[in-house]
Amino acid sequence: MGAASALLAEASWRNLGHALTPRHLVVQTGAVVRTREVLERAGVIGWVVHQSFFQRRRGLCHLTATTAAGSEQVVVPDVPLEVAVRLARRATPGMLEDVLA
């Protein structure tokens, strides 16, 4: 069971990804079943950064883009904290300036 878990974890890690286009945030996750979520950048109404104990030790976080449409959130999992902040700032220019000042 340990080897299978390690292989599944590696496959999941390899399929993580995100992209920012001029109009959209694109997030891909999954090991066995891959999913791709696309959110229009204009639809983002806020950001949430969550870190578990283990993520904090590794400098990772889950970045959640909140929206009033669809499932109301798109999660970018296990991204380095600096990358999460940079992604959020680029996706919604000006939204975080008061918070990060």
PDB file of N, CA and C in Angstrom:
ATOM      1  N   MET A   1       0.827  -1.189   0.000  1.00  0.00           N
ATOM      2  CA  MET A   1       0.000   0.000   0.000  1.00  0.00           C
ATOM      3  C   MET A   1       0.871   1.253   0.000  1.00  0.00           C
ATOM      4  N   GLY A   2       2.013   1.227   0.642  1.00  0.00           N
ATOM      5  CA  GLY A   2       2.885   2.394   0.712  1.00  0.00           C
ATOM      6  C   GLY A   2       3.419   2.805  -0.648  1.00  0.00           C
ATOM      7  N   ALA A   3       3.804   1.845  -1.482  1.00  0.00           N
ATOM      8  CA  ALA A   3       4.327   2.160  -2.815  1.00  0.00           C
ATOM      9  C   ALA A   3       3.231   2.728  -3.705  1.00  0.00           C
ATOM     10  N   ALA A   4       2.030   2.176  -3.601  1.00  0.00           N
ATOM     11  CA  ALA A   4       0.906   2.682  -4.398  1.00  0.00           C
ATOM     12  C   ALA A   4       0.563   4.114  -3.994  1.00  0.00           C
ATOM     13  N   SER A   5       0.594   4.381  -2.707  1.00  0.00           N
ATOM     14  CA  SER A   5       0.317   5.741  -2.224  1.00  0.00           C
ATOM     15  C   SER A   5       1.363   6.717  -2.731  1.00  0.00           C
ATOM     16  N   ALA A   6       2.617   6.296  -2.727  1.00  0.00           N
ATOM     17  CA  ALA A   6       3.693   7.164  -3.210  1.00  0.00           C
ATOM     18  C   ALA A   6       3.535   7.444  -4.702  1.00  0.00           C
ATOM     19  N   LEU A   7       3.171   6.435  -5.480  1.00  0.00           N
ATOM     20  CA  LEU A   7       2.962   6.631  -6.915  1.00  0.00           C
ATOM     21  C   LEU A   7       1.773   7.541  -7.192  1.00  0.00           C
ATOM     22  N   LEU A   8       0.709   7.379  -6.431  1.00  0.00           N
ATOM     23  CA  LEU A   8      -0.466   8.229  -6.585  1.00  0.00           C
ATOM     24  C   LEU A   8      -0.154   9.673  -6.205  1.00  0.00           C
ATOM     25  N   ALA A   9       0.610   9.854  -5.130  1.00  0.00           N
ATOM     26  CA  ALA A   9       1.004  11.202  -4.703  1.00  0.00           C
ATOM     27  C   ALA A   9       1.871  11.876  -5.764  1.00  0.00           C
ATOM     28  N   GLU A  10       2.791  11.123  -6.368  1.00  0.00           N
ATOM     29  CA  GLU A  10       3.643  11.696  -7.407  1.00  0.00           C
ATOM     30  C   GLU A  10       2.821  12.075  -8.637  1.00  0.00           C
ATOM     31  N   ALA A  11       1.871  11.226  -9.027  1.00  0.00           N
ATOM     32  CA  ALA A  11       1.022  11.534 -10.178  1.00  0.00           C
ATOM     33  C   ALA A  11       0.185  12.779  -9.912  1.00  0.00           C
ATOM     34  N   SER A  12      -0.317  12.899  -8.696  1.00  0.00           N
ATOM     35  CA  SER A  12      -1.094  14.078  -8.325  1.00  0.00           C
ATOM     36  C   SER A  12      -0.241  15.334  -8.394  1.00  0.00           C
ATOM     37  N   TRP A  13       0.979  15.249  -7.884  1.00  0.00           N
ATOM     38  CA  TRP A  13       1.901  16.388  -7.902  1.00  0.00           C
ATOM     39  C   TRP A  13       2.234  16.801  -9.336  1.00  0.00           C
ATOM     40  N   ARG A  14       2.462  15.833 -10.195  1.00  0.00           N
ATOM     41  CA  ARG A  14       2.814  16.127 -11.592  1.00  0.00           C
ATOM     42  C   ARG A  14       1.672  16.805 -12.351  1.00  0.00           C
ATOM     43  N   ASN A  15       0.437  16.568 -11.922  1.00  0.00           N
ATOM     44  CA  ASN A  15      -0.715  17.147 -12.615  1.00  0.00           C
ATOM     45  C   ASN A  15      -1.174  18.479 -12.034  1.00  0.00           C
ATOM     46  N   LEU A  16      -0.497  18.959 -10.988  1.00  0.00           N
ATOM     47  CA  LEU A  16      -0.840  20.277 -10.455  1.00  0.00           C
ATOM     48  C   LEU A  16      -0.366  21.336 -11.424  1.00  0.00           C
ATOM     49  N   GLY A  17      -1.144  22.377 -11.566  1.00  0.00           N
ATOM     50  CA  GLY A  17      -0.697  23.466 -12.415  1.00  0.00           C
ATOM     51  C   GLY A  17      -1.700  24.591 -12.441  1.00  0.00           C
ATOM     52  N   HIS A  18      -1.206  25.764 -12.766  1.00  0.00           N
ATOM     53  CA  HIS A  18      -2.087  26.918 -12.924  1.00  0.00           C
ATOM     54  C   HIS A  18      -1.507  27.815 -14.000  1.00  0.00           C
ATOM     55  N   ALA A  19      -2.381  28.614 -14.587  1.00  0.00           N
ATOM     56  CA  ALA A  19      -1.963  29.567 -15.612  1.00  0.00           C
ATOM     57  C   ALA A  19      -2.854  30.789 -15.512  1.00  0.00           C
ATOM     58  N   LEU A  20      -2.300  31.890 -15.926  1.00  0.00           N
ATOM     59  CA  LEU A  20      -3.036  33.135 -15.950  1.00  0.00           C
ATOM     60  C   LEU A  20      -2.990  33.672 -17.374  1.00  0.00           C
ATOM     61  N   THR A  21      -4.141  33.745 -18.012  1.00  0.00           N
ATOM     62  CA  THR A  21      -4.226  34.306 -19.356  1.00  0.00           C
ATOM     63  C   THR A  21      -4.693  35.750 -19.207  1.00  0.00           C
ATOM     64  N   PRO A  22      -4.739  36.500 -20.276  1.00  0.00           N
ATOM     65  CA  PRO A  22      -5.219  37.882 -20.147  1.00  0.00           C
ATOM     66  C   PRO A  22      -6.625  37.994 -19.555  1.00  0.00           C
ATOM     67  N   ARG A  23      -7.471  36.967 -19.724  1.00  0.00           N
ATOM     68  CA  ARG A  23      -8.846  37.045 -19.218  1.00  0.00           C
ATOM     69  C   ARG A  23      -9.218  35.970 -18.200  1.00  0.00           C
ATOM     70  N   HIS A  24      -8.381  34.931 -18.022  1.00  0.00           N
ATOM     71  CA  HIS A  24      -8.798  33.787 -17.201  1.00  0.00           C
ATOM     72  C   HIS A  24      -7.710  33.282 -16.251  1.00  0.00           C
ATOM     73  N   LEU A  25      -8.167  32.680 -15.150  1.00  0.00           N
ATOM     74  CA  LEU A  25      -7.323  31.893 -14.248  1.00  0.00           C
ATOM     75  C   LEU A  25      -7.661  30.438 -14.552  1.00  0.00           C
ATOM     76  N   VAL A  26      -6.643  29.630 -14.836  1.00  0.00           N
ATOM     77  CA  VAL A  26      -6.838  28.221 -15.176  1.00  0.00           C
ATOM     78  C   VAL A  26      -6.098  27.374 -14.143  1.00  0.00           C
ATOM     79  N   VAL A  27      -6.799  26.383 -13.560  1.00  0.00           N
ATOM     80  CA  VAL A  27      -6.207  25.519 -12.533  1.00  0.00           C
ATOM     81  C   VAL A  27      -6.448  24.068 -12.911  1.00  0.00           C
ATOM     82  N   GLN A  28      -5.388  23.244 -12.844  1.00  0.00           N
ATOM     83  CA  GLN A  28      -5.495  21.812 -13.132  1.00  0.00           C
ATOM     84  C   GLN A  28      -5.046  21.018 -11.916  1.00  0.00           C
ATOM     85  N   THR A  29      -5.807  19.995 -11.556  1.00  0.00           N
ATOM     86  CA  THR A  29      -5.470  19.121 -10.428  1.00  0.00           C
ATOM     87  C   THR A  29      -5.850  17.684 -10.776  1.00  0.00           C
ATOM     88  N   GLY A  30      -5.481  16.760  -9.898  1.00  0.00           N
ATOM     89  CA  GLY A  30      -5.929  15.381 -10.018  1.00  0.00           C
ATOM     90  C   GLY A  30      -4.843  14.405 -10.373  1.00  0.00           C
ATOM     91  N   ALA A  31      -4.997  13.186  -9.882  1.00  0.00           N
ATOM     92  CA  ALA A  31      -4.059  12.113 -10.189  1.00  0.00           C
ATOM     93  C   ALA A  31      -4.730  11.092 -11.103  1.00  0.00           C
ATOM     94  N   VAL A  32      -5.822  10.539 -10.659  1.00  0.00           N
ATOM     95  CA  VAL A  32      -6.540   9.541 -11.440  1.00  0.00           C
ATOM     96  C   VAL A  32      -7.520  10.237 -12.385  1.00  0.00           C
ATOM     97  N   VAL A  33      -8.274  11.168 -11.833  1.00  0.00           N
ATOM     98  CA  VAL A  33      -9.218  11.965 -12.616  1.00  0.00           C
ATOM     99  C   VAL A  33      -8.695  13.394 -12.626  1.00  0.00           C
ATOM    100  N   ARG A  34      -8.294  13.871 -13.780  1.00  0.00           N
ATOM    101  CA  ARG A  34      -7.770  15.233 -13.896  1.00  0.00           C
ATOM    102  C   ARG A  34      -8.923  16.192 -14.129  1.00  0.00           C
ATOM    103  N   THR A  35      -8.850  17.320 -13.454  1.00  0.00           N
ATOM    104  CA  THR A  35      -9.862  18.355 -13.650  1.00  0.00           C
ATOM    105  C   THR A  35      -9.173  19.659 -14.012  1.00  0.00           C
ATOM    106  N   ARG A  36      -9.852  20.451 -14.787  1.00  0.00           N
ATOM    107  CA  ARG A  36      -9.353  21.769 -15.151  1.00  0.00           C
ATOM    108  C   ARG A  36     -10.493  22.753 -14.940  1.00  0.00           C
ATOM    109  N   GLU A  37     -10.238  23.765 -14.118  1.00  0.00           N
ATOM    110  CA  GLU A  37     -11.232  24.797 -13.859  1.00  0.00           C
ATOM    111  C   GLU A  37     -10.742  26.102 -14.463  1.00  0.00           C
ATOM    112  N   VAL A  38     -11.666  26.842 -15.048  1.00  0.00           N
ATOM    113  CA  VAL A  38     -11.349  28.112 -15.669  1.00  0.00           C
ATOM    114  C   VAL A  38     -12.283  29.158 -15.071  1.00  0.00           C
ATOM    115  N   LEU A  39     -11.704  30.248 -14.607  1.00  0.00           N
ATOM    116  CA  LEU A  39     -12.471  31.327 -14.000  1.00  0.00           C
ATOM    117  C   LEU A  39     -12.085  32.641 -14.664  1.00  0.00           C
ATOM    118  N   GLU A  40     -13.081  33.403 -15.071  1.00  0.00           N
ATOM    119  CA  GLU A  40     -12.809  34.704 -15.645  1.00  0.00           C
ATOM    120  C   GLU A  40     -12.241  35.614 -14.563  1.00  0.00           C
ATOM    121  N   ARG A  41     -11.129  36.271 -14.851  1.00  0.00           N
ATOM    122  CA  ARG A  41     -10.462  37.124 -13.868  1.00  0.00           C
ATOM    123  C   ARG A  41     -11.384  38.227 -13.364  1.00  0.00           C
ATOM    124  N   ALA A  42     -12.250  38.748 -14.228  1.00  0.00           N
ATOM    125  CA  ALA A  42     -13.183  39.804 -13.826  1.00  0.00           C
ATOM    126  C   ALA A  42     -14.198  39.300 -12.796  1.00  0.00           C
ATOM    127  N   GLY A  43     -14.378  37.980 -12.688  1.00  0.00           N
ATOM    128  CA  GLY A  43     -15.320  37.406 -11.743  1.00  0.00           C
ATOM    129  C   GLY A  43     -14.766  37.170 -10.355  1.00  0.00           C
ATOM    130  N   VAL A  44     -13.473  37.399 -10.139  1.00  0.00           N
ATOM    131  CA  VAL A  44     -12.862  37.178  -8.828  1.00  0.00           C
ATOM    132  C   VAL A  44     -13.254  38.330  -7.904  1.00  0.00           C
ATOM    133  N   ILE A  45     -13.871  37.995  -6.765  1.00  0.00           N
ATOM    134  CA  ILE A  45     -14.279  39.031  -5.814  1.00  0.00           C
ATOM    135  C   ILE A  45     -13.428  39.015  -4.538  1.00  0.00           C
ATOM    136  N   GLY A  46     -12.545  38.028  -4.402  1.00  0.00           N
ATOM    137  CA  GLY A  46     -11.678  37.975  -3.233  1.00  0.00           C
ATOM    138  C   GLY A  46     -10.743  36.784  -3.292  1.00  0.00           C
ATOM    139  N   TRP A  47      -9.798  36.771  -2.346  1.00  0.00           N
ATOM    140  CA  TRP A  47      -8.794  35.707  -2.268  1.00  0.00           C
ATOM    141  C   TRP A  47      -8.705  35.204  -0.834  1.00  0.00           C
ATOM    142  N   VAL A  48      -8.470  33.901  -0.688  1.00  0.00           N
ATOM    143  CA  VAL A  48      -8.255  33.286   0.621  1.00  0.00           C
ATOM    144  C   VAL A  48      -6.983  32.449   0.531  1.00  0.00           C
ATOM    145  N   VAL A  49      -6.077  32.632   1.503  1.00  0.00           N
ATOM    146  CA  VAL A  49      -4.865  31.821   1.600  1.00  0.00           C
ATOM    147  C   VAL A  49      -5.024  30.925   2.814  1.00  0.00           C
ATOM    148  N   HIS A  50      -4.895  29.628   2.608  1.00  0.00           N
ATOM    149  CA  HIS A  50      -4.997  28.675   3.721  1.00  0.00           C
ATOM    150  C   HIS A  50      -3.729  27.831   3.768  1.00  0.00           C
ATOM    151  N   GLN A  51      -3.187  27.674   4.977  1.00  0.00           N
ATOM    152  CA  GLN A  51      -2.013  26.821   5.172  1.00  0.00           C
ATOM    153  C   GLN A  51      -2.267  25.858   6.312  1.00  0.00           C
ATOM    154  N   SER A  52      -2.090  24.578   6.041  1.00  0.00           N
ATOM    155  CA  SER A  52      -2.124  23.581   7.110  1.00  0.00           C
ATOM    156  C   SER A  52      -0.770  23.623   7.826  1.00  0.00           C
ATOM    157  N   PHE A  53      -0.671  22.916   8.906  1.00  0.00           N
ATOM    158  CA  PHE A  53       0.585  22.844   9.650  1.00  0.00           C
ATOM    159  C   PHE A  53       1.721  22.361   8.747  1.00  0.00           C
ATOM    160  N   PHE A  54       1.454  21.310   7.982  1.00  0.00           N
ATOM    161  CA  PHE A  54       2.492  20.733   7.123  1.00  0.00           C
ATOM    162  C   PHE A  54       2.811  21.638   5.934  1.00  0.00           C
ATOM    163  N   GLN A  55       1.809  22.289   5.388  1.00  0.00           N
ATOM    164  CA  GLN A  55       2.067  23.234   4.302  1.00  0.00           C
ATOM    165  C   GLN A  55       2.933  24.397   4.786  1.00  0.00           C
ATOM    166  N   ARG A  56       2.632  24.897   5.969  1.00  0.00           N
ATOM    167  CA  ARG A  56       3.399  26.013   6.531  1.00  0.00           C
ATOM    168  C   ARG A  56       4.872  25.640   6.673  1.00  0.00           C
ATOM    169  N   ARG A  57       5.140  24.430   7.108  1.00  0.00           N
ATOM    170  CA  ARG A  57       6.527  23.969   7.260  1.00  0.00           C
ATOM    171  C   ARG A  57       7.256  23.886   5.920  1.00  0.00           C
ATOM    172  N   ARG A  58       6.499  23.662   4.828  1.00  0.00           N
ATOM    173  CA  ARG A  58       7.096  23.541   3.494  1.00  0.00           C
ATOM    174  C   ARG A  58       7.000  24.837   2.688  1.00  0.00           C
ATOM    175  N   GLY A  59       6.360  25.877   3.246  1.00  0.00           N
ATOM    176  CA  GLY A  59       6.210  27.145   2.539  1.00  0.00           C
ATOM    177  C   GLY A  59       5.145  27.115   1.458  1.00  0.00           C
ATOM    178  N   LEU A  60       4.185  26.193   1.598  1.00  0.00           N
ATOM    179  CA  LEU A  60       3.117  26.041   0.606  1.00  0.00           C
ATOM    180  C   LEU A  60       1.788  26.534   1.164  1.00  0.00           C
ATOM    181  N   CYS A  61       0.816  26.724   0.282  1.00  0.00           N
ATOM    182  CA  CYS A  61      -0.525  27.104   0.706  1.00  0.00           C
ATOM    183  C   CYS A  61      -1.525  26.717  -0.361  1.00  0.00           C
ATOM    184  N   HIS A  62      -2.794  26.770   0.003  1.00  0.00           N
ATOM    185  CA  HIS A  62      -3.890  26.681  -0.960  1.00  0.00           C
ATOM    186  C   HIS A  62      -4.358  28.109  -1.194  1.00  0.00           C
ATOM    187  N   LEU A  63      -4.405  28.541  -2.438  1.00  0.00           N
ATOM    188  CA  LEU A  63      -4.920  29.860  -2.785  1.00  0.00           C
ATOM    189  C   LEU A  63      -6.301  29.668  -3.386  1.00  0.00           C
ATOM    190  N   THR A  64      -7.292  30.325  -2.793  1.00  0.00           N
ATOM    191  CA  THR A  64      -8.662  30.197  -3.264  1.00  0.00           C
ATOM    192  C   THR A  64      -9.140  31.520  -3.832  1.00  0.00           C
ATOM    193  N   ALA A  65      -9.553  31.490  -5.087  1.00  0.00           N
ATOM    194  CA  ALA A  65     -10.181  32.647  -5.715  1.00  0.00           C
ATOM    195  C   ALA A  65     -11.675  32.515  -5.467  1.00  0.00           C
ATOM    196  N   THR A  66     -12.272  33.507  -4.793  1.00  0.00           N
ATOM    197  CA  THR A  66     -13.703  33.459  -4.533  1.00  0.00           C
ATOM    198  C   THR A  66     -14.443  34.231  -5.616  1.00  0.00           C
ATOM    199  N   THR A  67     -15.637  33.750  -5.923  1.00  0.00           N
ATOM    200  CA  THR A  67     -16.457  34.347  -6.976  1.00  0.00           C
ATOM    201  C   THR A  67     -17.922  34.143  -6.620  1.00  0.00           C
ATOM    202  N   ALA A  68     -18.772  34.922  -7.216  1.00  0.00           N
ATOM    203  CA  ALA A  68     -20.207  34.777  -6.970  1.00  0.00           C
ATOM    204  C   ALA A  68     -20.852  33.814  -7.965  1.00  0.00           C
ATOM    205  N   ALA A  69     -20.071  33.268  -8.879  1.00  0.00           N
ATOM    206  CA  ALA A  69     -20.618  32.409  -9.937  1.00  0.00           C
ATOM    207  C   ALA A  69     -20.211  30.954  -9.734  1.00  0.00           C
ATOM    208  N   GLY A  70     -20.936  30.071 -10.350  1.00  0.00           N
ATOM    209  CA  GLY A  70     -20.574  28.652 -10.370  1.00  0.00           C
ATOM    210  C   GLY A  70     -20.424  28.052  -8.985  1.00  0.00           C
ATOM    211  N   SER A  71     -19.299  27.386  -8.763  1.00  0.00           N
ATOM    212  CA  SER A  71     -19.066  26.723  -7.475  1.00  0.00           C
ATOM    213  C   SER A  71     -18.601  27.713  -6.414  1.00  0.00           C
ATOM    214  N   GLU A  72     -18.483  28.985  -6.756  1.00  0.00           N
ATOM    215  CA  GLU A  72     -18.126  30.087  -5.868  1.00  0.00           C
ATOM    216  C   GLU A  72     -16.678  30.087  -5.423  1.00  0.00           C
ATOM    217  N   GLN A  73     -15.874  29.171  -5.926  1.00  0.00           N
ATOM    218  CA  GLN A  73     -14.449  29.186  -5.598  1.00  0.00           C
ATOM    219  C   GLN A  73     -13.657  28.311  -6.566  1.00  0.00           C
ATOM    220  N   VAL A  74     -12.417  28.718  -6.771  1.00  0.00           N
ATOM    221  CA  VAL A  74     -11.466  27.922  -7.533  1.00  0.00           C
ATOM    222  C   VAL A  74     -10.211  27.857  -6.684  1.00  0.00           C
ATOM    223  N   VAL A  75      -9.741  26.651  -6.374  1.00  0.00           N
ATOM    224  CA  VAL A  75      -8.612  26.463  -5.472  1.00  0.00           C
ATOM    225  C   VAL A  75      -7.361  26.092  -6.266  1.00  0.00           C
ATOM    226  N   VAL A  76      -6.289  26.843  -6.011  1.00  0.00           N
ATOM    227  CA  VAL A  76      -4.966  26.523  -6.545  1.00  0.00           C
ATOM    228  C   VAL A  76      -4.236  25.820  -5.407  1.00  0.00           C
ATOM    229  N   PRO A  77      -4.099  24.490  -5.438  1.00  0.00           N
ATOM    230  CA  PRO A  77      -3.545  23.761  -4.292  1.00  0.00           C
ATOM    231  C   PRO A  77      -2.015  23.723  -4.277  1.00  0.00           C
ATOM    232  N   ASP A  78      -1.488  23.688  -3.067  1.00  0.00           N
ATOM    233  CA  ASP A  78      -0.061  23.446  -2.818  1.00  0.00           C
ATOM    234  C   ASP A  78       0.870  24.294  -3.679  1.00  0.00           C
ATOM    235  N   VAL A  79       0.671  25.581  -3.621  1.00  0.00           N
ATOM    236  CA  VAL A  79       1.507  26.522  -4.353  1.00  0.00           C
ATOM    237  C   VAL A  79       2.391  27.254  -3.330  1.00  0.00           C
ATOM    238  N   PRO A  80       3.644  27.558  -3.668  1.00  0.00           N
ATOM    239  CA  PRO A  80       4.479  28.333  -2.742  1.00  0.00           C
ATOM    240  C   PRO A  80       3.806  29.665  -2.403  1.00  0.00           C
ATOM    241  N   LEU A  81       3.915  30.096  -1.163  1.00  0.00           N
ATOM    242  CA  LEU A  81       3.231  31.294  -0.688  1.00  0.00           C
ATOM    243  C   LEU A  81       3.570  32.520  -1.546  1.00  0.00           C
ATOM    244  N   GLU A  82       4.848  32.698  -1.901  1.00  0.00           N
ATOM    245  CA  GLU A  82       5.241  33.859  -2.706  1.00  0.00           C
ATOM    246  C   GLU A  82       4.569  33.818  -4.075  1.00  0.00           C
ATOM    247  N   VAL A  83       4.464  32.636  -4.645  1.00  0.00           N
ATOM    248  CA  VAL A  83       3.825  32.472  -5.954  1.00  0.00           C
ATOM    249  C   VAL A  83       2.333  32.777  -5.837  1.00  0.00           C
ATOM    250  N   ALA A  84       1.708  32.354  -4.748  1.00  0.00           N
ATOM    251  CA  ALA A  84       0.288  32.615  -4.538  1.00  0.00           C
ATOM    252  C   ALA A  84       0.009  34.118  -4.483  1.00  0.00           C
ATOM    253  N   VAL A  85       0.824  34.841  -3.738  1.00  0.00           N
ATOM    254  CA  VAL A  85       0.643  36.297  -3.631  1.00  0.00           C
ATOM    255  C   VAL A  85       0.869  36.963  -4.982  1.00  0.00           C
ATOM    256  N   ARG A  86       1.895  36.561  -5.680  1.00  0.00           N
ATOM    257  CA  ARG A  86       2.183  37.127  -6.999  1.00  0.00           C
ATOM    258  C   ARG A  86       1.049  36.833  -7.985  1.00  0.00           C
ATOM    259  N   LEU A  87       0.525  35.610  -7.959  1.00  0.00           N
ATOM    260  CA  LEU A  87      -0.572  35.225  -8.840  1.00  0.00           C
ATOM    261  C   LEU A  87      -1.819  36.061  -8.548  1.00  0.00           C
ATOM    262  N   ALA A  88      -2.159  36.205  -7.281  1.00  0.00           N
ATOM    263  CA  ALA A  88      -3.344  36.985  -6.908  1.00  0.00           C
ATOM    264  C   ALA A  88      -3.190  38.452  -7.314  1.00  0.00           C
ATOM    265  N   ARG A  89      -2.018  39.019  -7.119  1.00  0.00           N
ATOM    266  CA  ARG A  89      -1.783  40.418  -7.504  1.00  0.00           C
ATOM    267  C   ARG A  89      -1.887  40.609  -9.011  1.00  0.00           C
ATOM    268  N   ARG A  90      -1.351  39.659  -9.780  1.00  0.00           N
ATOM    269  CA  ARG A  90      -1.408  39.767 -11.247  1.00  0.00           C
ATOM    270  C   ARG A  90      -2.822  39.536 -11.769  1.00  0.00           C
ATOM    271  N   ALA A  91      -3.562  38.635 -11.137  1.00  0.00           N
ATOM    272  CA  ALA A  91      -4.904  38.306 -11.608  1.00  0.00           C
ATOM    273  C   ALA A  91      -5.894  39.436 -11.345  1.00  0.00           C
ATOM    274  N   THR A  92      -5.719  40.127 -10.229  1.00  0.00           N
ATOM    275  CA  THR A  92      -6.644  41.206  -9.860  1.00  0.00           C
ATOM    276  C   THR A  92      -5.836  42.420  -9.407  1.00  0.00           C
ATOM    277  N   PRO A  93      -5.240  43.145 -10.345  1.00  0.00           N
ATOM    278  CA  PRO A  93      -4.408  44.289  -9.988  1.00  0.00           C
ATOM    279  C   PRO A  93      -5.170  45.301  -9.120  1.00  0.00           C
ATOM    280  N   GLY A  94      -4.503  45.736  -8.049  1.00  0.00           N
ATOM    281  CA  GLY A  94      -5.064  46.731  -7.151  1.00  0.00           C
ATOM    282  C   GLY A  94      -5.903  46.163  -6.013  1.00  0.00           C
ATOM    283  N   MET A  95      -6.417  44.940  -6.126  1.00  0.00           N
ATOM    284  CA  MET A  95      -7.290  44.383  -5.090  1.00  0.00           C
ATOM    285  C   MET A  95      -6.566  44.170  -3.765  1.00  0.00           C
ATOM    286  N   LEU A  96      -5.308  43.783  -3.805  1.00  0.00           N
ATOM    287  CA  LEU A  96      -4.579  43.421  -2.576  1.00  0.00           C
ATOM    288  C   LEU A  96      -3.682  44.545  -2.053  1.00  0.00           C
ATOM    289  N   GLU A  97      -3.642  45.656  -2.704  1.00  0.00           N
ATOM    290  CA  GLU A  97      -2.674  46.697  -2.326  1.00  0.00           C
ATOM    291  C   GLU A  97      -2.869  47.193  -0.895  1.00  0.00           C
ATOM    292  N   ASP A  98      -4.118  47.385  -0.442  1.00  0.00           N
ATOM    293  CA  ASP A  98      -4.354  47.847   0.922  1.00  0.00           C
ATOM    294  C   ASP A  98      -3.965  46.789   1.953  1.00  0.00           C
ATOM    295  N   VAL A  99      -4.149  45.531   1.603  1.00  0.00           N
ATOM    296  CA  VAL A  99      -3.853  44.417   2.526  1.00  0.00           C
ATOM    297  C   VAL A  99      -2.355  44.189   2.639  1.00  0.00           C
ATOM    298  N   LEU A 100      -1.640  44.262   1.534  1.00  0.00           N
ATOM    299  CA  LEU A 100      -0.213  43.950   1.527  1.00  0.00           C
ATOM    300  C   LEU A 100       0.682  45.168   1.751  1.00  0.00           C
ATOM    301  N   ALA A 101       0.104  46.335   1.915  1.00  0.00           N
ATOM    302  CA  ALA A 101       0.904  47.561   2.100  1.00  0.00           C
ATOM    303  C   ALA A 101       1.586  47.595   3.441  1.00  0.00           C
TER     304      ALA A 101
END
